Protein backbone atom coordinates (compact mmCIF):
# COMPACT_ATOMS: atom_id res chain seq x y z
CA MET A 1 258.07 18.62 99.84
CA ARG A 2 257.70 14.80 100.18
CA TRP A 3 253.63 15.34 100.35
CA ILE A 4 254.26 17.55 96.97
CA ARG A 5 256.06 15.13 95.13
CA ILE A 6 253.61 12.45 95.74
CA VAL A 7 250.69 14.92 94.37
CA LEU A 8 252.92 15.30 91.33
CA PHE A 9 253.68 12.04 90.77
CA ILE A 10 250.21 10.93 91.18
CA THR A 11 249.28 13.87 88.80
CA VAL A 12 251.58 12.85 86.09
CA LEU A 13 250.60 9.47 86.63
CA LEU A 14 246.75 9.54 86.58
CA GLY A 15 246.63 12.28 84.62
CA PRO A 16 246.26 10.53 80.90
CA LEU A 17 244.24 8.11 82.65
CA CYS A 18 241.64 11.30 83.26
CA GLN A 19 242.13 12.19 80.14
CA VAL A 20 241.02 8.85 78.36
CA GLN A 21 238.00 9.15 80.86
CA ASP A 22 237.18 12.78 80.05
CA GLY A 23 236.96 11.99 76.49
CA GLY A 24 234.82 9.23 76.68
CA ALA A 25 232.58 11.12 78.33
CA THR A 26 232.33 13.73 76.24
CA GLU A 27 231.73 11.74 73.66
CA GLN A 28 228.96 10.35 75.15
CA ILE A 29 227.73 13.68 76.00
CA GLN A 30 227.79 15.02 72.15
CA LYS A 31 226.57 12.20 70.73
CA PRO A 32 222.74 12.79 72.38
CA VAL A 33 223.54 16.39 71.42
CA SER A 34 223.98 15.80 67.90
CA GLU A 35 221.25 13.27 67.72
CA SER A 36 218.79 15.74 69.28
CA ILE A 37 219.93 18.59 66.88
CA ARG A 38 219.66 16.50 64.04
CA ILE A 39 216.11 15.33 65.12
CA ARG A 40 215.30 19.11 65.42
CA GLN A 41 216.45 20.29 62.26
CA ASN A 42 214.43 17.22 60.87
CA THR A 43 211.58 18.46 62.59
CA GLN A 44 211.85 22.00 61.39
CA GLN A 45 211.95 20.91 57.95
CA ASN A 46 209.20 18.94 58.03
CA GLU A 47 207.37 21.62 59.88
CA VAL A 48 208.54 24.09 56.79
CA GLN A 49 207.58 21.42 54.75
CA TRP A 50 204.10 21.21 56.41
CA GLN A 51 203.50 24.76 56.36
CA SER A 52 204.08 24.80 52.29
CA ASP A 53 201.65 21.83 51.84
CA LYS A 54 199.05 23.10 54.22
CA GLN A 55 199.28 26.53 51.98
CA LYS A 56 198.69 24.74 49.01
CA LEU A 57 195.41 22.69 50.21
CA LEU A 58 194.23 25.41 51.58
CA ALA A 59 194.76 27.42 48.30
CA ARG A 60 193.40 24.34 46.60
CA TYR A 61 190.18 24.16 48.64
CA ASP A 62 189.44 27.81 48.01
CA GLU A 63 189.81 27.20 44.33
CA LEU A 64 187.92 24.17 44.45
CA THR A 65 185.21 26.22 46.56
CA GLU A 66 185.03 28.61 43.82
CA THR A 67 184.54 26.19 41.38
CA ALA A 68 181.86 24.30 42.85
CA LYS A 69 180.02 27.28 43.27
CA GLN A 70 179.77 28.29 39.65
CA LEU A 71 179.18 24.79 38.89
CA SER A 72 176.07 24.94 41.11
CA GLY A 73 175.57 28.38 39.24
CA GLU A 74 175.63 26.79 35.63
CA LYS A 75 173.70 23.73 37.21
CA GLN A 76 171.14 25.82 38.17
CA ALA A 77 171.04 27.71 34.74
CA LEU A 78 171.13 24.44 33.15
CA SER A 79 168.19 23.17 35.03
CA GLU A 80 166.08 26.27 34.07
CA LYS A 81 166.95 25.58 30.54
CA ILE A 82 166.00 21.93 30.64
CA GLU A 83 162.80 22.99 32.19
CA ASN A 84 161.97 25.85 29.66
CA THR A 85 163.08 23.66 26.80
CA ARG A 86 160.92 20.62 27.91
CA SER A 87 158.09 23.47 28.28
CA ARG A 88 158.72 24.30 24.66
CA ILE A 89 158.66 20.59 23.51
CA ALA A 90 155.25 20.07 25.34
CA VAL A 91 154.04 22.93 23.18
CA LYS A 92 155.36 22.16 20.18
CA GLN A 93 154.37 18.57 20.92
CA LYS A 94 150.81 19.90 21.39
CA GLN A 95 151.19 21.89 18.02
CA LEU A 96 152.12 18.93 16.29
CA ASP A 97 149.23 16.98 17.88
CA ASP A 98 146.42 19.41 16.65
CA ILE A 99 148.32 19.64 13.20
CA GLU A 100 147.88 15.92 13.12
CA GLN A 101 144.30 15.90 14.00
CA ILE A 102 143.50 19.08 11.21
CA GLN A 103 145.47 17.04 8.99
CA LYS A 104 143.04 14.07 9.45
CA GLU A 105 140.08 16.32 9.02
CA ILE A 106 140.99 18.45 6.01
CA ILE A 107 142.21 15.39 3.98
CA PRO A 108 137.87 14.52 3.63
CA LEU A 109 137.53 18.33 3.59
CA ILE A 110 140.28 18.65 0.29
CA ALA A 111 138.53 15.50 -1.38
CA GLY A 112 135.17 17.06 -1.12
CA LEU A 113 136.16 20.64 -2.57
CA ILE A 114 137.64 18.93 -5.61
CA LYS A 115 134.44 16.90 -5.60
CA GLU A 116 132.25 20.01 -5.96
CA LEU A 117 134.80 21.88 -8.31
CA GLU A 118 134.25 19.03 -10.36
CA THR A 119 130.26 19.34 -10.39
CA PHE A 120 129.98 22.92 -10.47
CA THR A 121 132.29 23.06 -13.54
CA ALA A 122 130.23 20.19 -15.36
CA THR A 123 126.89 22.24 -14.66
CA ASP A 124 128.78 25.74 -15.29
CA LEU A 125 128.77 27.57 -18.91
CA PRO A 126 131.19 26.00 -20.92
CA PHE A 127 134.06 28.58 -21.01
CA LEU A 128 137.75 27.63 -21.31
CA ALA A 129 136.36 23.70 -21.01
CA GLU A 130 140.13 22.38 -21.39
CA GLU A 131 141.78 24.76 -19.21
CA ARG A 132 139.50 23.77 -16.35
CA LYS A 133 139.63 20.22 -16.97
CA VAL A 134 143.36 19.87 -17.01
CA ARG A 135 143.28 22.13 -13.45
CA LEU A 136 140.64 19.63 -12.27
CA GLN A 137 142.99 16.66 -13.10
CA ARG A 138 145.64 18.09 -11.80
CA LEU A 139 144.00 18.60 -8.39
CA VAL A 140 143.31 14.92 -8.81
CA GLU A 141 146.77 13.76 -8.98
CA ILE A 142 147.84 16.32 -5.97
CA ARG A 143 145.25 14.95 -3.75
CA ASP A 144 146.32 11.35 -4.35
CA ASP A 145 150.38 11.91 -4.36
CA PRO A 146 151.16 10.56 -1.10
CA GLU A 147 154.92 12.84 -1.38
CA ILE A 148 152.79 16.15 -1.17
CA ALA A 149 152.09 17.87 1.70
CA VAL A 150 148.73 18.30 3.16
CA SER A 151 149.27 21.80 3.40
CA GLU A 152 150.54 22.24 -0.03
CA LYS A 153 147.01 20.07 -1.61
CA PHE A 154 144.88 22.57 0.58
CA ARG A 155 146.30 25.57 -1.06
CA LYS A 156 146.02 24.02 -4.52
CA VAL A 157 142.18 23.43 -4.13
CA MET A 158 142.03 27.31 -3.17
CA GLU A 159 143.72 28.71 -5.56
CA ALA A 160 141.66 26.65 -8.05
CA MET A 161 138.74 27.81 -6.20
CA LEU A 162 139.80 31.32 -5.95
CA VAL A 163 140.30 31.10 -9.95
CA GLU A 164 136.64 29.79 -10.52
CA ILE A 165 135.42 32.83 -8.10
CA GLU A 166 137.58 35.13 -10.27
CA TYR A 167 135.69 33.92 -13.51
CA GLY A 168 132.48 35.64 -11.89
CA ASN A 169 134.20 39.42 -11.63
CA THR A 170 136.12 39.43 -15.09
CA ILE A 171 135.24 39.42 -18.75
CA GLU A 172 137.34 37.78 -21.83
CA VAL A 173 137.54 37.16 -25.36
CA TYR A 174 138.63 34.01 -26.55
CA GLN A 175 138.71 31.61 -29.72
CA GLU A 176 137.74 28.37 -29.54
CA THR A 177 135.72 25.61 -32.07
CA ILE A 178 132.18 25.03 -31.19
CA ALA A 179 129.28 22.99 -32.58
CA THR A 180 126.14 24.69 -33.54
CA GLU A 181 123.18 23.05 -35.15
CA GLU A 182 124.24 23.51 -38.52
CA ARG A 183 128.31 22.83 -38.12
CA GLU A 184 131.65 23.37 -35.89
CA MET A 185 133.36 26.37 -36.65
CA LEU A 186 136.06 28.20 -35.09
CA VAL A 187 134.68 31.33 -33.53
CA ASP A 188 135.49 34.22 -30.90
CA ILE A 189 133.60 34.18 -27.78
CA PHE A 190 133.02 36.85 -25.44
CA ARG A 191 132.42 36.04 -21.68
CA LEU A 192 130.59 38.21 -19.64
CA GLY A 193 131.89 37.20 -16.20
CA ARG A 194 129.70 33.47 -15.60
CA VAL A 195 126.61 35.26 -16.53
CA ALA A 196 126.64 34.46 -20.13
CA LEU A 197 128.58 33.40 -23.46
CA PHE A 198 128.12 35.05 -27.15
CA PHE A 199 130.04 34.17 -30.10
CA GLN A 200 130.93 35.69 -33.37
CA THR A 201 132.14 34.24 -36.34
CA LEU A 202 135.92 35.54 -37.51
CA ASP A 203 133.98 37.08 -40.43
CA HIS A 204 131.94 39.17 -38.25
CA GLN A 205 128.62 38.00 -40.45
CA SER A 206 127.43 35.62 -37.61
CA CYS A 207 126.78 35.66 -33.58
CA GLY A 208 124.98 33.80 -31.33
CA PHE A 209 125.16 32.85 -27.30
CA TYR A 210 124.96 30.06 -25.42
CA ASN A 211 121.71 28.72 -24.09
CA VAL A 212 121.73 27.26 -20.63
CA ALA A 213 118.33 25.85 -20.89
CA THR A 214 119.10 23.81 -23.85
CA ALA A 215 122.97 23.40 -22.88
CA ALA A 216 123.58 24.25 -26.54
CA TRP A 217 125.26 27.45 -28.83
CA GLN A 218 122.24 29.03 -30.71
CA PRO A 219 122.67 31.62 -33.19
CA LEU A 220 121.01 35.64 -32.70
CA PRO A 221 119.37 37.97 -35.03
CA THR A 222 122.27 39.60 -37.20
CA GLU A 223 121.00 42.93 -35.51
CA TYR A 224 123.26 41.66 -32.60
CA ASN A 225 126.30 41.56 -34.65
CA ARG A 226 127.55 45.28 -34.02
CA THR A 227 126.62 45.03 -30.11
CA ILE A 228 128.52 41.59 -29.93
CA GLU A 229 131.47 43.16 -32.00
CA ALA A 230 131.57 46.25 -29.67
CA ALA A 231 131.12 43.64 -26.81
CA MET A 232 134.62 41.71 -28.24
CA GLU A 233 136.71 45.13 -28.69
CA ILE A 234 136.01 45.95 -24.81
CA GLY A 235 136.53 42.44 -23.67
CA SER A 236 140.10 42.83 -25.71
CA LYS A 237 140.87 46.08 -24.47
CA ARG A 238 140.79 47.75 -27.99
CA ARG A 239 137.75 50.07 -27.12
CA PRO A 240 136.64 52.10 -24.07
CA VAL A 241 134.25 50.39 -21.38
CA GLU A 242 130.49 51.68 -22.65
CA LEU A 243 127.22 50.60 -21.75
CA LEU A 244 125.64 47.95 -23.92
CA THR A 245 122.56 46.15 -24.43
CA LEU A 246 123.14 42.25 -24.72
CA PRO A 247 120.53 39.78 -24.83
CA LEU A 248 120.94 38.02 -21.66
CA GLY A 249 117.70 36.13 -21.87
CA ARG A 250 116.44 34.47 -18.68
CA ILE A 251 119.08 34.16 -16.28
CA GLN A 252 119.07 30.99 -14.13
CA LEU A 253 120.21 31.14 -10.31
């Protein structure tokens, strides 16, 4: 019994002390465990965040890769377009150079053609003198005008030449004042192409022709009055075309 009492006494005496010691040990054990748990939780959160960031970065990488492919294709297309544009520019530049060279050559040609027209008109039959003179003056003004394109100058010269050519294929009747050996008078003139010119007075009593050899208007015998009058009516489209015998004389070639 005495031993039992001793054991109980020791138990009672040492019981609180043991409890205090057990509490300290528990605290020493729980603290590292809590810290480990906290670290583990933080690590898991970091891993989740990292995985999320990784997925976002991979998606962004794929997006940038696709964009890079598109940009590479666009760059290739633009490179081809630029090369084609350069080729077209080179062709256009060549054309411009050719045009410039042509213009340098065509300007003297235009001047020469106008000079030939002036000479030709001066030596041709004297019909529509004022009209042809004005046309030539206009050509000279166009030739000397720097604001007018060379192409337009050339076109105007060609038009004038075509008009002169057309005179050789047509007939017409017009009124003009002429000077004969006797006097000046207003007459009807019949132009037969550029082969011959005939005149008849307004009273149809006299007629004549332009003598190329003497460069003067000369009368014809009155017997030609009816023929000249018929030619006038045909030229004015007041009479059907018919064969007439006109005194052409000697034609110079």
